[in-house]
Amino acid sequence: MRRQVKAPEVRRELLPEQSPVLLRELHLLTRDGHLNADALRKLKQVNHLVGLLRPALEDVFARFGNPLVVDAGSGNAYLGFVLYELFFKAEEKGELVSIEAQPELTARGEERARRLGFSRMRFVTAPLAAAPWPERFHLLTALHACDTATDDALAAAIRHGVDQVAVVPCCQAELARQLKEHAPPASSLAALAGHPWHRREFGSHLTNVIRALVLEAHGYSVTVTELTGWEHSLKNELILGRKIRGEWRPARERLEALLADAGVRPALVRALEKA
């Protein structure tokens, strides 16, 4: 249900360490300090994701002297700013890098970080496929990086041996096209892609199944879960990965069998073949 939260009641919608100052800076609070329906939806998504990310963040802060978090396809960097306030602000270590293709968004983020005194928050303007990724970083986040941008982020994380991965994919369209053009007609999966609507939905699901298998094949323990309820977002699948081993052959074999049955070769698989 859409609703506005009046200023005196806003505090109960926040995490304990969260400040209204940051929400005003992010324009999630109105001039009068209210939280309107759209802002409340965004805040609930980000805060729920923060709760799911907390174990990963606590892990990298505990294990590394200077943990580096990369927020890929950061947009307005709502997630990055919230993470910085909750995890980086009180620490004397760590850096958060936001990568975004739109220069106006990175410029806005840089100015906002200066005003807030978030001195260890850095912004890079680049498409993810051509971004200057750090040689070593410890946690990758990608919230609604659209279509194959999620694959670009995952490929970079795998190449650089990132310890923790958290992505919320969005608008996967690539495999729907491949299923239309290349799926083997004799495959038992062909019926799942016979109609445009089914092809789009199946292609989206198949994309994320492949992403999870790719992570497992490269030594990640993977959890796939719901980010928020459908009332907040239709794009609500969260893929979490934690690096626990080197290459894992059983997952690689399952991945190759699925790719052969479906007749597809998605961007993530192609990108890692070039590595």
C-alpha atoms as a PDB file:
ATOM      1  CA  MET A   1       0.000   0.000   0.000  1.00  0.00           C
ATOM      2  CA  ARG A   2       1.319   3.419  -0.976  1.00  0.00           C
ATOM      3  CA  ARG A   3       1.605   5.805   1.947  1.00  0.00           C
ATOM      4  CA  GLN A   4       3.489   8.813   3.194  1.00  0.00           C
ATOM      5  CA  VAL A   5       5.382   8.722   6.479  1.00  0.00           C
ATOM      6  CA  LYS A   6       5.131  12.023   8.343  1.00  0.00           C
ATOM      7  CA  ALA A   7       8.298  13.615   9.721  1.00  0.00           C
ATOM      8  CA  PRO A   8       7.728  12.676  13.402  1.00  0.00           C
ATOM      9  CA  GLU A   9       7.395   9.010  12.400  1.00  0.00           C
ATOM     10  CA  VAL A  10      10.334   8.797   9.978  1.00  0.00           C
ATOM     11  CA  ARG A  11      12.789   7.596  12.643  1.00  0.00           C
ATOM     12  CA  ARG A  12      11.006   4.247  12.980  1.00  0.00           C
ATOM     13  CA  GLU A  13      11.573   3.543   9.255  1.00  0.00           C
ATOM     14  CA  LEU A  14      15.353   3.935   9.586  1.00  0.00           C
ATOM     15  CA  LEU A  15      18.079   1.560  10.639  1.00  0.00           C
ATOM     16  CA  PRO A  16      19.542   2.381  14.084  1.00  0.00           C
ATOM     17  CA  GLU A  17      22.725   3.945  12.667  1.00  0.00           C
ATOM     18  CA  GLN A  18      20.942   5.772   9.843  1.00  0.00           C
ATOM     19  CA  SER A  19      20.580   9.564   9.827  1.00  0.00           C
ATOM     20  CA  PRO A  20      17.850  11.792   8.378  1.00  0.00           C
ATOM     21  CA  VAL A  21      20.698  14.078   7.227  1.00  0.00           C
ATOM     22  CA  LEU A  22      21.765  11.549   4.595  1.00  0.00           C
ATOM     23  CA  LEU A  23      18.174  10.917   3.494  1.00  0.00           C
ATOM     24  CA  ARG A  24      17.672  14.635   2.943  1.00  0.00           C
ATOM     25  CA  GLU A  25      20.884  14.768   0.935  1.00  0.00           C
ATOM     26  CA  LEU A  26      19.632  11.870  -1.204  1.00  0.00           C
ATOM     27  CA  HIS A  27      16.265  13.646  -1.611  1.00  0.00           C
ATOM     28  CA  LEU A  28      14.457  10.740  -0.032  1.00  0.00           C
ATOM     29  CA  LEU A  29      12.990  13.090   2.558  1.00  0.00           C
ATOM     30  CA  THR A  30      10.833  16.006   1.457  1.00  0.00           C
ATOM     31  CA  ARG A  31      11.614  19.611   2.379  1.00  0.00           C
ATOM     32  CA  ASP A  32       9.330  19.179   5.384  1.00  0.00           C
ATOM     33  CA  GLY A  33      11.035  15.979   6.482  1.00  0.00           C
ATOM     34  CA  HIS A  34       8.330  13.593   5.260  1.00  0.00           C
ATOM     35  CA  LEU A  35       9.015  10.280   3.510  1.00  0.00           C
ATOM     36  CA  ASN A  36       6.753   9.951   0.481  1.00  0.00           C
ATOM     37  CA  ALA A  37       5.573   6.638  -0.949  1.00  0.00           C
ATOM     38  CA  ASP A  38       8.173   6.303  -3.697  1.00  0.00           C
ATOM     39  CA  ALA A  39      11.033   7.240  -1.366  1.00  0.00           C
ATOM     40  CA  LEU A  40       9.759   4.787   1.238  1.00  0.00           C
ATOM     41  CA  ARG A  41       9.789   2.012  -1.370  1.00  0.00           C
ATOM     42  CA  LYS A  42      13.386   2.823  -2.345  1.00  0.00           C
ATOM     43  CA  LEU A  43      14.484   3.051   1.273  1.00  0.00           C
ATOM     44  CA  LYS A  44      12.924  -0.309   2.162  1.00  0.00           C
ATOM     45  CA  GLN A  45      14.680  -1.973  -0.786  1.00  0.00           C
ATOM     46  CA  VAL A  46      18.078  -0.493   0.069  1.00  0.00           C
ATOM     47  CA  ASN A  47      17.783  -1.157   3.808  1.00  0.00           C
ATOM     48  CA  HIS A  48      16.674  -4.734   3.282  1.00  0.00           C
ATOM     49  CA  LEU A  49      19.631  -5.253   0.946  1.00  0.00           C
ATOM     50  CA  VAL A  50      21.917  -3.723   3.592  1.00  0.00           C
ATOM     51  CA  GLY A  51      20.708  -6.338   6.067  1.00  0.00           C
ATOM     52  CA  LEU A  52      21.481  -9.123   3.616  1.00  0.00           C
ATOM     53  CA  LEU A  53      24.896  -7.591   2.855  1.00  0.00           C
ATOM     54  CA  ARG A  54      25.871  -7.098   6.488  1.00  0.00           C
ATOM     55  CA  PRO A  55      27.598 -10.501   6.884  1.00  0.00           C
ATOM     56  CA  ALA A  56      29.678  -9.904   3.744  1.00  0.00           C
ATOM     57  CA  LEU A  57      30.690  -6.410   4.836  1.00  0.00           C
ATOM     58  CA  GLU A  58      31.545  -7.524   8.346  1.00  0.00           C
ATOM     59  CA  ASP A  59      33.626 -10.333   6.827  1.00  0.00           C
ATOM     60  CA  VAL A  60      35.734  -8.087   4.581  1.00  0.00           C
ATOM     61  CA  PHE A  61      36.207  -5.477   7.314  1.00  0.00           C
ATOM     62  CA  ALA A  62      37.366  -8.184   9.708  1.00  0.00           C
ATOM     63  CA  ARG A  63      39.753  -9.899   7.287  1.00  0.00           C
ATOM     64  CA  PHE A  64      41.362  -7.057   5.330  1.00  0.00           C
ATOM     65  CA  GLY A  65      43.381  -4.049   6.404  1.00  0.00           C
ATOM     66  CA  ASN A  66      41.880  -1.804   3.741  1.00  0.00           C
ATOM     67  CA  PRO A  67      38.676  -3.374   2.401  1.00  0.00           C
ATOM     68  CA  LEU A  68      37.631  -2.133  -1.009  1.00  0.00           C
ATOM     69  CA  VAL A  69      33.969  -2.289  -2.053  1.00  0.00           C
ATOM     70  CA  VAL A  70      32.907  -1.608  -5.650  1.00  0.00           C
ATOM     71  CA  ASP A  71      29.326  -0.603  -6.429  1.00  0.00           C
ATOM     72  CA  ALA A  72      28.904  -1.328 -10.148  1.00  0.00           C
ATOM     73  CA  GLY A  73      26.368   0.580 -12.233  1.00  0.00           C
ATOM     74  CA  SER A  74      25.713   2.726  -9.186  1.00  0.00           C
ATOM     75  CA  GLY A  75      23.270   5.243 -10.694  1.00  0.00           C
ATOM     76  CA  ASN A  76      22.492   7.813  -8.017  1.00  0.00           C
ATOM     77  CA  ALA A  77      24.577   5.726  -5.577  1.00  0.00           C
ATOM     78  CA  TYR A  78      21.833   5.403  -2.962  1.00  0.00           C
ATOM     79  CA  LEU A  79      23.250   2.045  -1.939  1.00  0.00           C
ATOM     80  CA  GLY A  80      26.826   3.322  -1.811  1.00  0.00           C
ATOM     81  CA  PHE A  81      25.979   6.298   0.380  1.00  0.00           C
ATOM     82  CA  VAL A  82      23.943   4.165   2.764  1.00  0.00           C
ATOM     83  CA  LEU A  83      26.722   1.577   3.008  1.00  0.00           C
ATOM     84  CA  TYR A  84      29.316   4.269   3.634  1.00  0.00           C
ATOM     85  CA  GLU A  85      27.316   5.830   6.459  1.00  0.00           C
ATOM     86  CA  LEU A  86      26.585   2.485   8.120  1.00  0.00           C
ATOM     87  CA  PHE A  87      29.918   0.674   7.682  1.00  0.00           C
ATOM     88  CA  PHE A  88      32.707   3.024   6.575  1.00  0.00           C
ATOM     89  CA  LYS A  89      32.020   6.256   8.432  1.00  0.00           C
ATOM     90  CA  ALA A  90      33.017   5.008  11.880  1.00  0.00           C
ATOM     91  CA  GLU A  91      36.008   3.034  10.599  1.00  0.00           C
ATOM     92  CA  GLU A  92      39.472   4.367   9.871  1.00  0.00           C
ATOM     93  CA  LYS A  93      39.933   2.067   6.902  1.00  0.00           C
ATOM     94  CA  GLY A  94      38.236   0.993   3.706  1.00  0.00           C
ATOM     95  CA  GLU A  95      37.187   2.634   0.467  1.00  0.00           C
ATOM     96  CA  LEU A  96      33.985   2.506  -1.566  1.00  0.00           C
ATOM     97  CA  VAL A  97      34.191   2.988  -5.352  1.00  0.00           C
ATOM     98  CA  SER A  98      31.062   3.709  -7.396  1.00  0.00           C
ATOM     99  CA  ILE A  99      31.268   3.019 -11.140  1.00  0.00           C
ATOM    100  CA  GLU A 100      28.623   4.647 -13.337  1.00  0.00           C
ATOM    101  CA  ALA A 101      28.484   5.368 -17.084  1.00  0.00           C
ATOM    102  CA  GLN A 102      26.561   8.655 -16.856  1.00  0.00           C
ATOM    103  CA  PRO A 103      28.939  11.542 -16.066  1.00  0.00           C
ATOM    104  CA  GLU A 104      26.213  13.740 -14.589  1.00  0.00           C
ATOM    105  CA  LEU A 105      25.483  11.082 -11.975  1.00  0.00           C
ATOM    106  CA  THR A 106      29.126  10.613 -10.991  1.00  0.00           C
ATOM    107  CA  ALA A 107      29.596  14.399 -10.789  1.00  0.00           C
ATOM    108  CA  ARG A 108      26.529  14.652  -8.558  1.00  0.00           C
ATOM    109  CA  GLY A 109      27.829  11.812  -6.397  1.00  0.00           C
ATOM    110  CA  GLU A 110      31.260  13.422  -6.000  1.00  0.00           C
ATOM    111  CA  GLU A 111      29.719  16.712  -4.909  1.00  0.00           C
ATOM    112  CA  ARG A 112      27.380  14.971  -2.486  1.00  0.00           C
ATOM    113  CA  ALA A 113      30.249  12.994  -0.958  1.00  0.00           C
ATOM    114  CA  ARG A 114      32.212  16.219  -0.450  1.00  0.00           C
ATOM    115  CA  ARG A 115      29.295  17.875   1.319  1.00  0.00           C
ATOM    116  CA  LEU A 116      28.841  14.862   3.587  1.00  0.00           C
ATOM    117  CA  GLY A 117      32.549  14.477   4.315  1.00  0.00           C
ATOM    118  CA  PHE A 118      32.602  10.928   2.900  1.00  0.00           C
ATOM    119  CA  SER A 119      36.285  11.206   2.021  1.00  0.00           C
ATOM    120  CA  ARG A 120      36.865   7.517   1.211  1.00  0.00           C
ATOM    121  CA  MET A 121      34.084   7.366  -1.353  1.00  0.00           C
ATOM    122  CA  ARG A 122      35.295   7.581  -4.970  1.00  0.00           C
ATOM    123  CA  PHE A 123      33.402   7.857  -8.264  1.00  0.00           C
ATOM    124  CA  VAL A 124      34.465   6.537 -11.666  1.00  0.00           C
ATOM    125  CA  THR A 125      32.722   7.417 -14.937  1.00  0.00           C
ATOM    126  CA  ALA A 126      32.819   4.421 -17.279  1.00  0.00           C
ATOM    127  CA  PRO A 127      30.599   1.722 -18.789  1.00  0.00           C
ATOM    128  CA  LEU A 128      31.126  -1.488 -16.853  1.00  0.00           C
ATOM    129  CA  ALA A 129      32.439  -3.350 -19.901  1.00  0.00           C
ATOM    130  CA  ALA A 130      35.349  -0.876 -20.172  1.00  0.00           C
ATOM    131  CA  ALA A 131      35.732   0.234 -16.551  1.00  0.00           C
ATOM    132  CA  PRO A 132      39.177   0.562 -14.913  1.00  0.00           C
ATOM    133  CA  TRP A 133      38.481  -2.077 -12.267  1.00  0.00           C
ATOM    134  CA  PRO A 134      40.777  -2.127  -9.224  1.00  0.00           C
ATOM    135  CA  GLU A 135      43.346  -4.904  -9.398  1.00  0.00           C
ATOM    136  CA  ARG A 136      42.125  -6.214  -6.042  1.00  0.00           C
ATOM    137  CA  PHE A 137      38.779  -5.573  -4.396  1.00  0.00           C
ATOM    138  CA  HIS A 138      36.854  -7.509  -1.809  1.00  0.00           C
ATOM    139  CA  LEU A 139      33.110  -6.990  -2.335  1.00  0.00           C
ATOM    140  CA  LEU A 140      31.144  -6.299  -5.500  1.00  0.00           C
ATOM    141  CA  THR A 141      27.601  -4.930  -5.417  1.00  0.00           C
ATOM    142  CA  ALA A 142      25.428  -4.274  -8.470  1.00  0.00           C
ATOM    143  CA  LEU A 143      21.879  -3.099  -7.822  1.00  0.00           C
ATOM    144  CA  HIS A 144      19.706  -3.203 -10.954  1.00  0.00           C
ATOM    145  CA  ALA A 145      22.590  -3.040 -13.454  1.00  0.00           C
ATOM    146  CA  CYS A 146      20.517  -3.474 -16.595  1.00  0.00           C
ATOM    147  CA  ASP A 147      20.661  -6.417 -19.020  1.00  0.00           C
ATOM    148  CA  THR A 148      24.278  -7.497 -19.700  1.00  0.00           C
ATOM    149  CA  ALA A 149      25.761  -4.820 -17.381  1.00  0.00           C
ATOM    150  CA  THR A 150      25.252  -7.331 -14.563  1.00  0.00           C
ATOM    151  CA  ASP A 151      27.351  -9.802 -16.566  1.00  0.00           C
ATOM    152  CA  ASP A 152      30.109  -7.208 -16.999  1.00  0.00           C
ATOM    153  CA  ALA A 153      30.158  -6.704 -13.235  1.00  0.00           C
ATOM    154  CA  LEU A 154      30.213 -10.439 -12.480  1.00  0.00           C
ATOM    155  CA  ALA A 155      32.953 -11.080 -15.046  1.00  0.00           C
ATOM    156  CA  ALA A 156      35.139  -8.413 -13.416  1.00  0.00           C
ATOM    157  CA  ALA A 157      34.472  -9.851  -9.956  1.00  0.00           C
ATOM    158  CA  ILE A 158      35.427 -13.367 -11.059  1.00  0.00           C
ATOM    159  CA  ARG A 159      38.565 -12.229 -12.928  1.00  0.00           C
ATOM    160  CA  HIS A 160      39.785 -10.306  -9.887  1.00  0.00           C
ATOM    161  CA  GLY A 161      38.959 -13.036  -7.375  1.00  0.00           C
ATOM    162  CA  VAL A 162      36.526 -10.906  -5.386  1.00  0.00           C
ATOM    163  CA  ASP A 163      35.704 -12.434  -2.002  1.00  0.00           C
ATOM    164  CA  GLN A 164      32.017 -11.488  -1.832  1.00  0.00           C
ATOM    165  CA  VAL A 165      29.472 -10.768  -4.592  1.00  0.00           C
ATOM    166  CA  ALA A 166      25.936  -9.371  -4.360  1.00  0.00           C
ATOM    167  CA  VAL A 167      23.918  -8.554  -7.485  1.00  0.00           C
ATOM    168  CA  VAL A 168      20.272  -7.715  -8.090  1.00  0.00           C
ATOM    169  CA  PRO A 169      19.841  -8.288 -11.850  1.00  0.00           C
ATOM    170  CA  CYS A 170      17.499  -6.217 -13.990  1.00  0.00           C
ATOM    171  CA  CYS A 171      15.866  -6.418 -17.421  1.00  0.00           C
ATOM    172  CA  GLN A 172      17.646  -9.474 -18.827  1.00  0.00           C
ATOM    173  CA  ALA A 173      16.840  -9.417 -22.565  1.00  0.00           C
ATOM    174  CA  GLU A 174      19.865 -11.021 -24.205  1.00  0.00           C
ATOM    175  CA  LEU A 175      18.871 -14.675 -23.932  1.00  0.00           C
ATOM    176  CA  ALA A 176      15.338 -14.068 -25.196  1.00  0.00           C
ATOM    177  CA  ARG A 177      16.926 -13.031 -28.498  1.00  0.00           C
ATOM    178  CA  GLN A 178      19.234 -16.039 -28.533  1.00  0.00           C
ATOM    179  CA  LEU A 179      16.387 -18.419 -27.729  1.00  0.00           C
ATOM    180  CA  LYS A 180      14.411 -17.042 -30.666  1.00  0.00           C
ATOM    181  CA  GLU A 181      17.289 -17.364 -33.120  1.00  0.00           C
ATOM    182  CA  HIS A 182      19.406 -20.287 -31.972  1.00  0.00           C
ATOM    183  CA  ALA A 183      17.599 -22.645 -29.592  1.00  0.00           C
ATOM    184  CA  PRO A 184      17.762 -26.212 -30.979  1.00  0.00           C
ATOM    185  CA  PRO A 185      14.221 -27.242 -32.038  1.00  0.00           C
ATOM    186  CA  ALA A 186      14.809 -30.773 -30.779  1.00  0.00           C
ATOM    187  CA  SER A 187      15.714 -29.572 -27.291  1.00  0.00           C
ATOM    188  CA  SER A 188      13.275 -30.409 -24.515  1.00  0.00           C
ATOM    189  CA  LEU A 189      13.570 -26.756 -23.502  1.00  0.00           C
ATOM    190  CA  ALA A 190      12.256 -25.460 -26.839  1.00  0.00           C
ATOM    191  CA  ALA A 191       8.622 -25.395 -25.668  1.00  0.00           C
ATOM    192  CA  LEU A 192       9.577 -23.017 -22.849  1.00  0.00           C
ATOM    193  CA  ALA A 193      10.531 -20.386 -25.418  1.00  0.00           C
ATOM    194  CA  GLY A 194       7.820 -20.902 -28.014  1.00  0.00           C
ATOM    195  CA  HIS A 195       5.852 -17.727 -27.288  1.00  0.00           C
ATOM    196  CA  PRO A 196       7.372 -14.220 -26.968  1.00  0.00           C
ATOM    197  CA  TRP A 197       6.095 -13.750 -23.401  1.00  0.00           C
ATOM    198  CA  HIS A 198       7.380 -17.145 -22.281  1.00  0.00           C
ATOM    199  CA  ARG A 199      10.656 -16.567 -24.134  1.00  0.00           C
ATOM    200  CA  ARG A 200      11.234 -13.311 -22.280  1.00  0.00           C
ATOM    201  CA  GLU A 201      10.351 -14.747 -18.861  1.00  0.00           C
ATOM    202  CA  PHE A 202      12.215 -18.008 -19.407  1.00  0.00           C
ATOM    203  CA  GLY A 203      15.197 -16.128 -20.829  1.00  0.00           C
ATOM    204  CA  SER A 204      15.333 -13.911 -17.763  1.00  0.00           C
ATOM    205  CA  HIS A 205      15.169 -16.895 -15.401  1.00  0.00           C
ATOM    206  CA  LEU A 206      17.699 -18.851 -17.450  1.00  0.00           C
ATOM    207  CA  THR A 207      20.095 -15.891 -17.379  1.00  0.00           C
ATOM    208  CA  ASN A 208      20.164 -15.859 -13.595  1.00  0.00           C
ATOM    209  CA  VAL A 209      20.443 -19.658 -13.329  1.00  0.00           C
ATOM    210  CA  ILE A 210      23.502 -19.467 -15.601  1.00  0.00           C
ATOM    211  CA  ARG A 211      24.975 -16.609 -13.549  1.00  0.00           C
ATOM    212  CA  ALA A 212      24.664 -18.664 -10.375  1.00  0.00           C
ATOM    213  CA  LEU A 213      26.258 -21.703 -12.049  1.00  0.00           C
ATOM    214  CA  VAL A 214      29.117 -19.590 -13.420  1.00  0.00           C
ATOM    215  CA  LEU A 215      29.855 -18.319  -9.926  1.00  0.00           C
ATOM    216  CA  GLU A 216      29.755 -21.858  -8.535  1.00  0.00           C
ATOM    217  CA  ALA A 217      32.037 -23.086 -11.318  1.00  0.00           C
ATOM    218  CA  HIS A 218      34.562 -20.423 -10.290  1.00  0.00           C
ATOM    219  CA  GLY A 219      34.529 -21.455  -6.645  1.00  0.00           C
ATOM    220  CA  TYR A 220      31.745 -19.414  -5.086  1.00  0.00           C
ATOM    221  CA  SER A 221      29.175 -20.643  -2.623  1.00  0.00           C
ATOM    222  CA  VAL A 222      25.947 -19.161  -4.007  1.00  0.00           C
ATOM    223  CA  THR A 223      22.641 -18.190  -2.407  1.00  0.00           C
ATOM    224  CA  VAL A 224      19.710 -16.955  -4.500  1.00  0.00           C
ATOM    225  CA  THR A 225      16.923 -15.259  -2.613  1.00  0.00           C
ATOM    226  CA  GLU A 226      14.190 -12.636  -2.770  1.00  0.00           C
ATOM    227  CA  LEU A 227      15.307  -9.068  -2.185  1.00  0.00           C
ATOM    228  CA  THR A 228      11.940  -7.525  -1.358  1.00  0.00           C
ATOM    229  CA  GLY A 229       8.280  -8.416  -1.741  1.00  0.00           C
ATOM    230  CA  TRP A 230       6.559  -7.946  -5.087  1.00  0.00           C
ATOM    231  CA  GLU A 231       4.784  -4.881  -3.731  1.00  0.00           C
ATOM    232  CA  HIS A 232       8.117  -3.025  -3.737  1.00  0.00           C
ATOM    233  CA  SER A 233       9.785  -4.233  -6.939  1.00  0.00           C
ATOM    234  CA  LEU A 234       9.237  -6.741  -9.760  1.00  0.00           C
ATOM    235  CA  LYS A 235      13.029  -7.032 -10.100  1.00  0.00           C
ATOM    236  CA  ASN A 236      13.655  -8.663  -6.763  1.00  0.00           C
ATOM    237  CA  GLU A 237      16.086 -11.557  -7.240  1.00  0.00           C
ATOM    238  CA  LEU A 238      19.292 -11.327  -5.238  1.00  0.00           C
ATOM    239  CA  ILE A 239      22.345 -13.459  -6.070  1.00  0.00           C
ATOM    240  CA  LEU A 240      24.928 -13.698  -3.284  1.00  0.00           C
ATOM    241  CA  GLY A 241      28.308 -15.342  -3.785  1.00  0.00           C
ATOM    242  CA  ARG A 242      31.170 -16.055  -1.376  1.00  0.00           C
ATOM    243  CA  LYS A 243      34.523 -17.284  -2.686  1.00  0.00           C
ATOM    244  CA  ILE A 244      35.389 -20.557  -0.932  1.00  0.00           C
ATOM    245  CA  ARG A 245      37.504 -22.560  -3.395  1.00  0.00           C
ATOM    246  CA  GLY A 246      39.163 -22.592  -6.800  1.00  0.00           C
ATOM    247  CA  GLU A 247      37.480 -23.918  -9.930  1.00  0.00           C
ATOM    248  CA  TRP A 248      34.732 -26.462  -9.184  1.00  0.00           C
ATOM    249  CA  ARG A 249      34.331 -29.066 -11.928  1.00  0.00           C
ATOM    250  CA  PRO A 250      30.824 -30.401 -11.037  1.00  0.00           C
ATOM    251  CA  ALA A 251      29.308 -26.939 -11.431  1.00  0.00           C
ATOM    252  CA  ARG A 252      31.267 -26.431 -14.660  1.00  0.00           C
ATOM    253  CA  GLU A 253      29.836 -29.662 -16.079  1.00  0.00           C
ATOM    254  CA  ARG A 254      26.266 -28.695 -15.109  1.00  0.00           C
ATOM    255  CA  LEU A 255      26.785 -25.285 -16.688  1.00  0.00           C
ATOM    256  CA  GLU A 256      28.061 -26.667 -19.997  1.00  0.00           C
ATOM    257  CA  ALA A 257      25.214 -29.187 -20.159  1.00  0.00           C
ATOM    258  CA  LEU A 258      22.618 -26.456 -19.604  1.00  0.00           C
ATOM    259  CA  LEU A 259      24.192 -24.175 -22.216  1.00  0.00           C
ATOM    260  CA  ALA A 260      24.162 -27.025 -24.742  1.00  0.00           C
ATOM    261  CA  ASP A 261      20.550 -27.976 -24.025  1.00  0.00           C
ATOM    262  CA  ALA A 262      19.324 -24.375 -24.262  1.00  0.00           C
ATOM    263  CA  GLY A 263      21.469 -23.463 -27.276  1.00  0.00           C
ATOM    264  CA  VAL A 264      22.641 -20.187 -25.717  1.00  0.00           C
ATOM    265  CA  ARG A 265      25.976 -18.493 -24.943  1.00  0.00           C
ATOM    266  CA  PRO A 266      25.314 -15.463 -22.724  1.00  0.00           C
ATOM    267  CA  ALA A 267      27.532 -12.426 -22.244  1.00  0.00           C
ATOM    268  CA  LEU A 268      29.019 -13.623 -18.947  1.00  0.00           C
ATOM    269  CA  VAL A 269      30.184 -16.920 -20.429  1.00  0.00           C
ATOM    270  CA  ARG A 270      31.648 -15.186 -23.519  1.00  0.00           C
ATOM    271  CA  ALA A 271      33.426 -12.571 -21.419  1.00  0.00           C
ATOM    272  CA  LEU A 272      35.132 -15.180 -19.229  1.00  0.00           C
ATOM    273  CA  GLU A 273      36.141 -17.236 -22.278  1.00  0.00           C
ATOM    274  CA  LYS A 274      38.178 -14.192 -23.400  1.00  0.00           C
ATOM    275  CA  ALA A 275      39.872 -13.790 -20.024  1.00  0.00           C
END
